[in-house]
PDB file of all heavy atoms in Angstrom:
ATOM      1  N   LYS A   1     118.456  97.770  89.702  1.00  0.00           N
ATOM      2  CA  LYS A   1     119.749  97.126  89.994  1.00  0.00           C
ATOM      3  C   LYS A   1     119.734  96.458  91.365  1.00  0.00           C
ATOM      4  O   LYS A   1     120.285  95.360  91.544  1.00  0.00           O
ATOM      5  CB  LYS A   1     120.877  98.162  89.918  1.00  0.00           C
ATOM      6  CG  LYS A   1     121.091  98.787  88.551  1.00  0.00           C
ATOM      7  CD  LYS A   1     122.281  99.737  88.572  1.00  0.00           C
ATOM      8  CE  LYS A   1     122.518 100.383  87.204  1.00  0.00           C
ATOM      9  NZ  LYS A   1     121.415 101.293  86.837  1.00  0.00           N
ATOM     10  N   VAL A   2     119.104  97.104  92.341  1.00  0.00           N
ATOM     11  CA  VAL A   2     118.983  96.497  93.672  1.00  0.00           C
ATOM     12  C   VAL A   2     118.199  95.191  93.574  1.00  0.00           C
ATOM     13  O   VAL A   2     118.593  94.163  94.134  1.00  0.00           O
ATOM     14  CB  VAL A   2     118.299  97.455  94.664  1.00  0.00           C
ATOM     15  CG1 VAL A   2     118.040  96.748  95.995  1.00  0.00           C
ATOM     16  CG2 VAL A   2     119.153  98.692  94.896  1.00  0.00           C
ATOM     17  N   MET A   3     117.096  95.216  92.835  1.00  0.00           N
ATOM     18  CA  MET A   3     116.278  94.014  92.703  1.00  0.00           C
ATOM     19  C   MET A   3     117.046  92.897  92.009  1.00  0.00           C
ATOM     20  O   MET A   3     116.973  91.731  92.422  1.00  0.00           O
ATOM     21  CB  MET A   3     114.995  94.341  91.942  1.00  0.00           C
ATOM     22  CG  MET A   3     114.005  95.193  92.731  1.00  0.00           C
ATOM     23  SD  MET A   3     113.459  94.426  94.278  1.00  0.00           S
ATOM     24  CE  MET A   3     112.680  92.942  93.658  1.00  0.00           C
ATOM     25  N   ASP A   4     117.785  93.220  90.957  1.00  0.00           N
ATOM     26  CA  ASP A   4     118.583  92.195  90.277  1.00  0.00           C
ATOM     27  C   ASP A   4     119.614  91.588  91.231  1.00  0.00           C
ATOM     28  O   ASP A   4     119.859  90.375  91.219  1.00  0.00           O
ATOM     29  CB  ASP A   4     119.294  92.794  89.057  1.00  0.00           C
ATOM     30  CG  ASP A   4     118.362  93.024  87.878  1.00  0.00           C
ATOM     31  OD1 ASP A   4     117.277  92.414  87.855  1.00  0.00           O
ATOM     32  OD2 ASP A   4     118.710  93.821  86.992  1.00  0.00           O
ATOM     33  N   ARG A   5     120.222  92.431  92.073  1.00  0.00           N
ATOM     34  CA  ARG A   5     121.217  91.948  93.035  1.00  0.00           C
ATOM     35  C   ARG A   5     120.562  91.041  94.088  1.00  0.00           C
ATOM     36  O   ARG A   5     121.133  90.011  94.479  1.00  0.00           O
ATOM     37  CB  ARG A   5     121.897  93.136  93.715  1.00  0.00           C
ATOM     38  CG  ARG A   5     123.065  92.771  94.628  1.00  0.00           C
ATOM     39  CD  ARG A   5     124.265  92.334  93.827  1.00  0.00           C
ATOM     40  NE  ARG A   5     125.438  92.154  94.663  1.00  0.00           N
ATOM     41  CZ  ARG A   5     125.769  91.014  95.275  1.00  0.00           C
ATOM     42  NH1 ARG A   5     124.987  89.942  95.145  1.00  0.00           N
ATOM     43  NH2 ARG A   5     126.864  90.931  95.999  1.00  0.00           N
ATOM     44  N   LEU A   6     119.373  91.402  94.527  1.00  0.00           N
ATOM     45  CA  LEU A   6     118.669  90.576  95.501  1.00  0.00           C
ATOM     46  C   LEU A   6     118.298  89.216  94.911  1.00  0.00           C
ATOM     47  O   LEU A   6     118.390  88.183  95.580  1.00  0.00           O
ATOM     48  CB  LEU A   6     117.407  91.292  95.990  1.00  0.00           C
ATOM     49  CG  LEU A   6     117.623  92.486  96.924  1.00  0.00           C
ATOM     50  CD1 LEU A   6     116.304  93.207  97.163  1.00  0.00           C
ATOM     51  CD2 LEU A   6     118.233  92.042  98.245  1.00  0.00           C
ATOM     52  N   ILE A   7     117.876  89.219  93.662  1.00  0.00           N
ATOM     53  CA  ILE A   7     117.509  87.966  93.003  1.00  0.00           C
ATOM     54  C   ILE A   7     118.725  87.048  92.901  1.00  0.00           C
ATOM     55  O   ILE A   7     118.601  85.819  92.998  1.00  0.00           O
ATOM     56  CB  ILE A   7     116.893  88.256  91.615  1.00  0.00           C
ATOM     57  CG1 ILE A   7     115.506  88.896  91.785  1.00  0.00           C
ATOM     58  CG2 ILE A   7     116.784  86.988  90.776  1.00  0.00           C
ATOM     59  CD1 ILE A   7     114.898  89.420  90.504  1.00  0.00           C
ATOM     60  N   GLN A   8     119.917  87.622  92.732  1.00  0.00           N
ATOM     61  CA  GLN A   8     121.139  86.830  92.632  1.00  0.00           C
ATOM     62  C   GLN A   8     121.592  86.290  93.984  1.00  0.00           C
ATOM     63  O   GLN A   8     122.343  85.308  94.040  1.00  0.00           O
ATOM     64  CB  GLN A   8     122.268  87.681  92.039  1.00  0.00           C
ATOM     65  CG  GLN A   8     122.061  88.091  90.595  1.00  0.00           C
ATOM     66  CD  GLN A   8     123.062  89.146  90.158  1.00  0.00           C
ATOM     67  OE1 GLN A   8     123.943  89.537  90.925  1.00  0.00           O
ATOM     68  NE2 GLN A   8     122.926  89.617  88.934  1.00  0.00           N
ATOM     69  N   PHE A   9     121.151  86.923  95.081  1.00  0.00           N
ATOM     70  CA  PHE A   9     121.664  86.561  96.399  1.00  0.00           C
ATOM     71  C   PHE A   9     121.216  85.156  96.762  1.00  0.00           C
ATOM     72  O   PHE A   9     120.086  84.744  96.471  1.00  0.00           O
ATOM     73  CB  PHE A   9     121.202  87.563  97.454  1.00  0.00           C
ATOM     74  CG  PHE A   9     122.046  87.562  98.692  1.00  0.00           C
ATOM     75  CD1 PHE A   9     123.212  88.300  98.741  1.00  0.00           C
ATOM     76  CD2 PHE A   9     121.688  86.796  99.796  1.00  0.00           C
ATOM     77  CE1 PHE A   9     124.012  88.296  99.883  1.00  0.00           C
ATOM     78  CE2 PHE A   9     122.468  86.779 100.933  1.00  0.00           C
ATOM     79  CZ  PHE A   9     123.645  87.526 100.977  1.00  0.00           C
ATOM     80  N   HIS A  10     122.073  84.411  97.445  1.00  0.00           N
ATOM     81  CA  HIS A  10     121.854  82.986  97.651  1.00  0.00           C
ATOM     82  C   HIS A  10     120.739  82.658  98.634  1.00  0.00           C
ATOM     83  O   HIS A  10     120.153  81.580  98.567  1.00  0.00           O
ATOM     84  CB  HIS A  10     123.158  82.310  98.107  1.00  0.00           C
ATOM     85  CG  HIS A  10     123.804  82.969  99.287  1.00  0.00           C
ATOM     86  ND1 HIS A  10     124.617  84.077  99.147  1.00  0.00           N
ATOM     87  CD2 HIS A  10     123.760  82.699 100.615  1.00  0.00           C
ATOM     88  CE1 HIS A  10     125.046  84.440 100.341  1.00  0.00           C
ATOM     89  NE2 HIS A  10     124.535  83.630 101.246  1.00  0.00           N
ATOM     90  N   ASN A  11     120.413  83.557  99.559  1.00  0.00           N
ATOM     91  CA  ASN A  11     119.411  83.223 100.578  1.00  0.00           C
ATOM     92  C   ASN A  11     118.827  84.521 101.121  1.00  0.00           C
ATOM     93  O   ASN A  11     119.473  85.211 101.913  1.00  0.00           O
ATOM     94  CB  ASN A  11     120.051  82.402 101.700  1.00  0.00           C
ATOM     95  CG  ASN A  11     119.042  81.730 102.591  1.00  0.00           C
ATOM     96  OD1 ASN A  11     117.843  81.768 102.332  1.00  0.00           O
ATOM     97  ND2 ASN A  11     119.515  81.104 103.665  1.00  0.00           N
ATOM     98  N   VAL A  12     117.611  84.864 100.719  1.00  0.00           N
ATOM     99  CA  VAL A  12     117.059  86.174 101.049  1.00  0.00           C
ATOM    100  C   VAL A  12     115.563  86.070 101.324  1.00  0.00           C
ATOM    101  O   VAL A  12     114.866  85.226 100.763  1.00  0.00           O
ATOM    102  CB  VAL A  12     117.324  87.179  99.890  1.00  0.00           C
ATOM    103  CG1 VAL A  12     116.641  86.740  98.609  1.00  0.00           C
ATOM    104  CG2 VAL A  12     116.899  88.588 100.265  1.00  0.00           C
ATOM    105  N   ASP A  13     115.065  86.905 102.240  1.00  0.00           N
ATOM    106  CA  ASP A  13     113.629  87.105 102.400  1.00  0.00           C
ATOM    107  C   ASP A  13     113.356  88.599 102.471  1.00  0.00           C
ATOM    108  O   ASP A  13     114.281  89.415 102.567  1.00  0.00           O
ATOM    109  CB  ASP A  13     113.074  86.373 103.630  1.00  0.00           C
ATOM    110  CG  ASP A  13     113.735  86.799 104.931  1.00  0.00           C
ATOM    111  OD1 ASP A  13     113.692  87.998 105.252  1.00  0.00           O
ATOM    112  OD2 ASP A  13     114.297  85.943 105.639  1.00  0.00           O
ATOM    113  N   PHE A  14     112.084  88.963 102.432  1.00  0.00           N
ATOM    114  CA  PHE A  14     111.710  90.357 102.217  1.00  0.00           C
ATOM    115  C   PHE A  14     110.457  90.661 103.022  1.00  0.00           C
ATOM    116  O   PHE A  14     109.469  89.924 102.931  1.00  0.00           O
ATOM    117  CB  PHE A  14     111.418  90.542 100.721  1.00  0.00           C
ATOM    118  CG  PHE A  14     111.535  91.948 100.231  1.00  0.00           C
ATOM    119  CD1 PHE A  14     112.616  92.343  99.460  1.00  0.00           C
ATOM    120  CD2 PHE A  14     110.560  92.883 100.523  1.00  0.00           C
ATOM    121  CE1 PHE A  14     112.722  93.641  98.997  1.00  0.00           C
ATOM    122  CE2 PHE A  14     110.668  94.183 100.079  1.00  0.00           C
ATOM    123  CZ  PHE A  14     111.743  94.561  99.304  1.00  0.00           C
ATOM    124  N   GLN A  15     110.494  91.710 103.828  1.00  0.00           N
ATOM    125  CA  GLN A  15     109.286  92.191 104.504  1.00  0.00           C
ATOM    126  C   GLN A  15     108.872  93.486 103.797  1.00  0.00           C
ATOM    127  O   GLN A  15     109.616  94.468 103.807  1.00  0.00           O
ATOM    128  CB  GLN A  15     109.540  92.444 105.999  1.00  0.00           C
ATOM    129  CG  GLN A  15     109.821  91.163 106.776  1.00  0.00           C
ATOM    130  CD  GLN A  15     111.220  90.610 106.531  1.00  0.00           C
ATOM    131  OE1 GLN A  15     112.220  91.283 106.786  1.00  0.00           O
ATOM    132  NE2 GLN A  15     111.322  89.389 106.013  1.00  0.00           N
ATOM    133  N   TRP A  16     107.696  93.479 103.194  1.00  0.00           N
ATOM    134  CA  TRP A  16     107.298  94.595 102.345  1.00  0.00           C
ATOM    135  C   TRP A  16     107.190  95.896 103.131  1.00  0.00           C
ATOM    136  O   TRP A  16     106.658  95.951 104.236  1.00  0.00           O
ATOM    137  CB  TRP A  16     105.950  94.313 101.701  1.00  0.00           C
ATOM    138  CG  TRP A  16     105.918  93.064 100.871  1.00  0.00           C
ATOM    139  CD1 TRP A  16     106.877  92.617 100.005  1.00  0.00           C
ATOM    140  CD2 TRP A  16     104.866  92.086 100.833  1.00  0.00           C
ATOM    141  NE1 TRP A  16     106.488  91.435  99.431  1.00  0.00           N
ATOM    142  CE2 TRP A  16     105.263  91.080  99.918  1.00  0.00           C
ATOM    143  CE3 TRP A  16     103.640  91.964 101.478  1.00  0.00           C
ATOM    144  CZ2 TRP A  16     104.469  89.974  99.634  1.00  0.00           C
ATOM    145  CZ3 TRP A  16     102.836  90.866 101.200  1.00  0.00           C
ATOM    146  CH2 TRP A  16     103.251  89.885 100.290  1.00  0.00           C
ATOM    147  N   GLY A  17     107.690  96.968 102.515  1.00  0.00           N
ATOM    148  CA  GLY A  17     107.476  98.310 103.021  1.00  0.00           C
ATOM    149  C   GLY A  17     106.384  99.002 102.220  1.00  0.00           C
ATOM    150  O   GLY A  17     105.936  98.506 101.180  1.00  0.00           O
ATOM    151  N   ASN A  18     105.958 100.171 102.679  1.00  0.00           N
ATOM    152  CA  ASN A  18     104.881 100.865 101.966  1.00  0.00           C
ATOM    153  C   ASN A  18     105.315 101.283 100.561  1.00  0.00           C
ATOM    154  O   ASN A  18     104.508 101.275  99.621  1.00  0.00           O
ATOM    155  CB  ASN A  18     104.364 102.057 102.774  1.00  0.00           C
ATOM    156  CG  ASN A  18     105.432 103.075 103.108  1.00  0.00           C
ATOM    157  OD1 ASN A  18     106.587 102.737 103.367  1.00  0.00           O
ATOM    158  ND2 ASN A  18     105.062 104.345 103.115  1.00  0.00           N
ATOM    159  N   HIS A  19     106.597 101.607 100.366  1.00  0.00           N
ATOM    160  CA  HIS A  19     107.059 101.963  99.025  1.00  0.00           C
ATOM    161  C   HIS A  19     107.078 100.746  98.103  1.00  0.00           C
ATOM    162  O   HIS A  19     106.803 100.865  96.907  1.00  0.00           O
ATOM    163  CB  HIS A  19     108.451 102.597  99.099  1.00  0.00           C
ATOM    164  CG  HIS A  19     108.442 103.983  99.642  1.00  0.00           C
ATOM    165  ND1 HIS A  19     108.331 105.106  98.849  1.00  0.00           N
ATOM    166  CD2 HIS A  19     108.514 104.445 100.919  1.00  0.00           C
ATOM    167  CE1 HIS A  19     108.347 106.193  99.596  1.00  0.00           C
ATOM    168  NE2 HIS A  19     108.454 105.810 100.869  1.00  0.00           N
ATOM    169  N   ASP A  20     107.378  99.579  98.649  1.00  0.00           N
ATOM    170  CA  ASP A  20     107.368  98.358  97.841  1.00  0.00           C
ATOM    171  C   ASP A  20     105.947  98.019  97.398  1.00  0.00           C
ATOM    172  O   ASP A  20     105.705  97.677  96.235  1.00  0.00           O
ATOM    173  CB  ASP A  20     107.948  97.186  98.637  1.00  0.00           C
ATOM    174  CG  ASP A  20     109.311  97.511  99.219  1.00  0.00           C
ATOM    175  OD1 ASP A  20     110.154  98.056  98.494  1.00  0.00           O
ATOM    176  OD2 ASP A  20     109.511  97.242 100.426  1.00  0.00           O
ATOM    177  N   VAL A  21     104.989  98.115  98.331  1.00  0.00           N
ATOM    178  CA  VAL A  21     103.612  97.780  97.996  1.00  0.00           C
ATOM    179  C   VAL A  21     103.028  98.809  97.035  1.00  0.00           C
ATOM    180  O   VAL A  21     102.142  98.482  96.236  1.00  0.00           O
ATOM    181  CB  VAL A  21     102.764  97.635  99.278  1.00  0.00           C
ATOM    182  CG1 VAL A  21     101.291  97.478  98.956  1.00  0.00           C
ATOM    183  CG2 VAL A  21     103.244  96.417 100.074  1.00  0.00           C
ATOM    184  N   LEU A  22     103.536 100.038  97.058  1.00  0.00           N
ATOM    185  CA  LEU A  22     103.126 101.028  96.060  1.00  0.00           C
ATOM    186  C   LEU A  22     103.450 100.516  94.655  1.00  0.00           C
ATOM    187  O   LEU A  22     102.616 100.571  93.746  1.00  0.00           O
ATOM    188  CB  LEU A  22     103.841 102.355  96.321  1.00  0.00           C
ATOM    189  CG  LEU A  22     103.515 103.498  95.367  1.00  0.00           C
ATOM    190  CD1 LEU A  22     102.101 104.001  95.606  1.00  0.00           C
ATOM    191  CD2 LEU A  22     104.507 104.644  95.539  1.00  0.00           C
ATOM    192  N   TRP A  23     104.645  99.996  94.468  1.00  0.00           N
ATOM    193  CA  TRP A  23     105.050  99.463  93.164  1.00  0.00           C
ATOM    194  C   TRP A  23     104.295  98.177  92.842  1.00  0.00           C
ATOM    195  O   TRP A  23     103.904  97.946  91.688  1.00  0.00           O
ATOM    196  CB  TRP A  23     106.558  99.212  93.149  1.00  0.00           C
ATOM    197  CG  TRP A  23     107.371 100.463  92.999  1.00  0.00           C
ATOM    198  CD1 TRP A  23     107.312 101.583  93.775  1.00  0.00           C
ATOM    199  CD2 TRP A  23     108.363 100.722  92.014  1.00  0.00           C
ATOM    200  NE1 TRP A  23     108.219 102.518  93.344  1.00  0.00           N
ATOM    201  CE2 TRP A  23     108.876 102.014  92.263  1.00  0.00           C
ATOM    202  CE3 TRP A  23     108.894  99.981  90.956  1.00  0.00           C
ATOM    203  CZ2 TRP A  23     109.875 102.587  91.482  1.00  0.00           C
ATOM    204  CZ3 TRP A  23     109.898 100.549  90.169  1.00  0.00           C
ATOM    205  CH2 TRP A  23     110.370 101.838  90.437  1.00  0.00           C
ATOM    206  N   MET A  24     104.096  97.340  93.830  1.00  0.00           N
ATOM    207  CA  MET A  24     103.332  96.119  93.611  1.00  0.00           C
ATOM    208  C   MET A  24     101.891  96.451  93.233  1.00  0.00           C
ATOM    209  O   MET A  24     101.295  95.804  92.366  1.00  0.00           O
ATOM    210  CB  MET A  24     103.381  95.246  94.868  1.00  0.00           C
ATOM    211  CG  MET A  24     104.778  94.737  95.195  1.00  0.00           C
ATOM    212  SD  MET A  24     104.930  94.078  96.882  1.00  0.00           S
ATOM    213  CE  MET A  24     104.106  92.494  96.700  1.00  0.00           C
ATOM    214  N   GLY A  25     101.328  97.481  93.876  1.00  0.00           N
ATOM    215  CA  GLY A  25      99.982  97.905  93.537  1.00  0.00           C
ATOM    216  C   GLY A  25      99.890  98.429  92.120  1.00  0.00           C
ATOM    217  O   GLY A  25      98.899  98.193  91.415  1.00  0.00           O
ATOM    218  N   ALA A  26     100.926  99.136  91.672  1.00  0.00           N
ATOM    219  CA  ALA A  26     100.947  99.620  90.289  1.00  0.00           C
ATOM    220  C   ALA A  26     100.936  98.452  89.317  1.00  0.00           C
ATOM    221  O   ALA A  26     100.183  98.439  88.333  1.00  0.00           O
ATOM    222  CB  ALA A  26     102.176 100.490  90.068  1.00  0.00           C
ATOM    223  N   TYR A  27     101.764  97.446  89.585  1.00  0.00           N
ATOM    224  CA  TYR A  27     101.794  96.268  88.712  1.00  0.00           C
ATOM    225  C   TYR A  27     100.445  95.545  88.731  1.00  0.00           C
ATOM    226  O   TYR A  27     100.001  94.994  87.714  1.00  0.00           O
ATOM    227  CB  TYR A  27     102.900  95.311  89.164  1.00  0.00           C
ATOM    228  CG  TYR A  27     102.941  94.034  88.360  1.00  0.00           C
ATOM    229  CD1 TYR A  27     103.361  94.032  87.031  1.00  0.00           C
ATOM    230  CD2 TYR A  27     102.544  92.827  88.927  1.00  0.00           C
ATOM    231  CE1 TYR A  27     103.380  92.859  86.285  1.00  0.00           C
ATOM    232  CE2 TYR A  27     102.567  91.650  88.193  1.00  0.00           C
ATOM    233  CZ  TYR A  27     102.985  91.672  86.876  1.00  0.00           C
ATOM    234  OH  TYR A  27     103.001  90.512  86.147  1.00  0.00           O
ATOM    235  N   ALA A  28      99.779  95.553  89.884  1.00  0.00           N
ATOM    236  CA  ALA A  28      98.485  94.887  90.007  1.00  0.00           C
ATOM    237  C   ALA A  28      97.361  95.644  89.318  1.00  0.00           C
ATOM    238  O   ALA A  28      96.241  95.140  89.238  1.00  0.00           O
ATOM    239  CB  ALA A  28      98.145  94.679  91.484  1.00  0.00           C
ATOM    240  N   GLY A  29      97.642  96.849  88.807  1.00  0.00           N
ATOM    241  CA  GLY A  29      96.654  97.595  88.041  1.00  0.00           C
ATOM    242  C   GLY A  29      96.034  98.775  88.749  1.00  0.00           C
ATOM    243  O   GLY A  29      95.110  99.397  88.226  1.00  0.00           O
ATOM    244  N   ASN A  30      96.523  99.127  89.946  1.00  0.00           N
ATOM    245  CA  ASN A  30      95.975 100.281  90.652  1.00  0.00           C
ATOM    246  C   ASN A  30      96.620 101.547  90.096  1.00  0.00           C
ATOM    247  O   ASN A  30      97.809 101.797  90.307  1.00  0.00           O
ATOM    248  CB  ASN A  30      96.223 100.157  92.155  1.00  0.00           C
ATOM    249  CG  ASN A  30      95.499 101.231  92.930  1.00  0.00           C
ATOM    250  OD1 ASN A  30      95.868 102.394  92.872  1.00  0.00           O
ATOM    251  ND2 ASN A  30      94.455 100.843  93.640  1.00  0.00           N
ATOM    252  N   LEU A  31      95.824 102.355  89.402  1.00  0.00           N
ATOM    253  CA  LEU A  31      96.366 103.527  88.720  1.00  0.00           C
ATOM    254  C   LEU A  31      96.822 104.603  89.696  1.00  0.00           C
ATOM    255  O   LEU A  31      97.739 105.379  89.376  1.00  0.00           O
ATOM    256  CB  LEU A  31      95.326 104.090  87.751  1.00  0.00           C
ATOM    257  CG  LEU A  31      94.957 103.185  86.571  1.00  0.00           C
ATOM    258  CD1 LEU A  31      93.891 103.854  85.701  1.00  0.00           C
ATOM    259  CD2 LEU A  31      96.188 102.850  85.730  1.00  0.00           C
ATOM    260  N   ALA A  32      96.212 104.667  90.877  1.00  0.00           N
ATOM    261  CA  ALA A  32      96.673 105.641  91.870  1.00  0.00           C
ATOM    262  C   ALA A  32      98.091 105.304  92.314  1.00  0.00           C
ATOM    263  O   ALA A  32      98.932 106.193  92.486  1.00  0.00           O
ATOM    264  CB  ALA A  32      95.731 105.666  93.070  1.00  0.00           C
ATOM    265  N   CYS A  33      98.378 104.021  92.522  1.00  0.00           N
ATOM    266  CA  CYS A  33      99.741 103.598  92.862  1.00  0.00           C
ATOM    267  C   CYS A  33     100.699 103.936  91.727  1.00  0.00           C
ATOM    268  O   CYS A  33     101.813 104.425  91.961  1.00  0.00           O
ATOM    269  CB  CYS A  33      99.777 102.100  93.150  1.00  0.00           C
ATOM    270  SG  CYS A  33      98.923 101.584  94.656  1.00  0.00           S
ATOM    271  N   LEU A  34     100.295 103.679  90.501  1.00  0.00           N
ATOM    272  CA  LEU A  34     101.154 103.956  89.352  1.00  0.00           C
ATOM    273  C   LEU A  34     101.451 105.445  89.239  1.00  0.00           C
ATOM    274  O   LEU A  34     102.610 105.849  89.055  1.00  0.00           O
ATOM    275  CB  LEU A  34     100.493 103.442  88.075  1.00  0.00           C
ATOM    276  CG  LEU A  34     101.237 103.726  86.772  1.00  0.00           C
ATOM    277  CD1 LEU A  34     102.641 103.135  86.788  1.00  0.00           C
ATOM    278  CD2 LEU A  34     100.440 103.185  85.577  1.00  0.00           C
ATOM    279  N   ALA A  35     100.432 106.290  89.342  1.00  0.00           N
ATOM    280  CA  ALA A  35     100.646 107.738  89.255  1.00  0.00           C
ATOM    281  C   ALA A  35     101.571 108.217  90.364  1.00  0.00           C
ATOM    282  O   ALA A  35     102.429 109.085  90.145  1.00  0.00           O
ATOM    283  CB  ALA A  35      99.304 108.471  89.332  1.00  0.00           C
ATOM    284  N   THR A  36     101.445 107.632  91.548  1.00  0.00           N
ATOM    285  CA  THR A  36     102.273 108.055  92.686  1.00  0.00           C
ATOM    286  C   THR A  36     103.729 107.684  92.489  1.00  0.00           C
ATOM    287  O   THR A  36     104.631 108.508  92.726  1.00  0.00           O
ATOM    288  CB  THR A  36     101.742 107.442  93.994  1.00  0.00           C
ATOM    289  OG1 THR A  36     100.368 107.792  94.165  1.00  0.00           O
ATOM    290  CG2 THR A  36     102.541 107.936  95.186  1.00  0.00           C
ATOM    291  N   LEU A  37     103.998 106.462  92.044  1.00  0.00           N
ATOM    292  CA  LEU A  37     105.413 106.088  91.866  1.00  0.00           C
ATOM    293  C   LEU A  37     106.053 106.911  90.748  1.00  0.00           C
ATOM    294  O   LEU A  37     107.239 107.254  90.825  1.00  0.00           O
ATOM    295  CB  LEU A  37     105.557 104.583  91.639  1.00  0.00           C
ATOM    296  CG  LEU A  37     105.276 103.949  90.276  1.00  0.00           C
ATOM    297  CD1 LEU A  37     106.479 104.041  89.350  1.00  0.00           C
ATOM    298  CD2 LEU A  37     104.899 102.486  90.451  1.00  0.00           C
ATOM    299  N   LEU A  38     105.273 107.256  89.714  1.00  0.00           N
ATOM    300  CA  LEU A  38     105.804 108.112  88.645  1.00  0.00           C
ATOM    301  C   LEU A  38     106.038 109.530  89.156  1.00  0.00           C
ATOM    302  O   LEU A  38     107.043 110.169  88.816  1.00  0.00           O
ATOM    303  CB  LEU A  38     104.841 108.127  87.458  1.00  0.00           C
ATOM    304  CG  LEU A  38     104.696 106.811  86.687  1.00  0.00           C
ATOM    305  CD1 LEU A  38     103.527 106.900  85.714  1.00  0.00           C
ATOM    306  CD2 LEU A  38     105.988 106.478  85.943  1.00  0.00           C
ATOM    307  N   ARG A  39     105.111 110.038  89.966  1.00  0.00           N
ATOM    308  CA  ARG A  39     105.294 111.388  90.530  1.00  0.00           C
ATOM    309  C   ARG A  39     106.545 111.448  91.400  1.00  0.00           C
ATOM    310  O   ARG A  39     107.318 112.411  91.334  1.00  0.00           O
ATOM    311  CB  ARG A  39     104.058 111.790  91.351  1.00  0.00           C
ATOM    312  CG  ARG A  39     104.226 113.163  92.027  1.00  0.00           C
ATOM    313  CD  ARG A  39     103.141 113.421  93.048  1.00  0.00           C
ATOM    314  NE  ARG A  39     103.123 112.439  94.120  1.00  0.00           N
ATOM    315  CZ  ARG A  39     103.976 112.421  95.142  1.00  0.00           C
ATOM    316  NH1 ARG A  39     104.954 113.334  95.228  1.00  0.00           N
ATOM    317  NH2 ARG A  39     103.879 111.496  96.082  1.00  0.00           N
TER     318      ARG A  39
END
């Protein structure tokens, strides 16, 4: 829901945090990142 709200916002930028890159790493195929976000 937060992500959907950010996408709707008229003017936004984002500086990645370690929790964000964990999810990005999971999407990129890193199974350790995926297991961690699920845990």
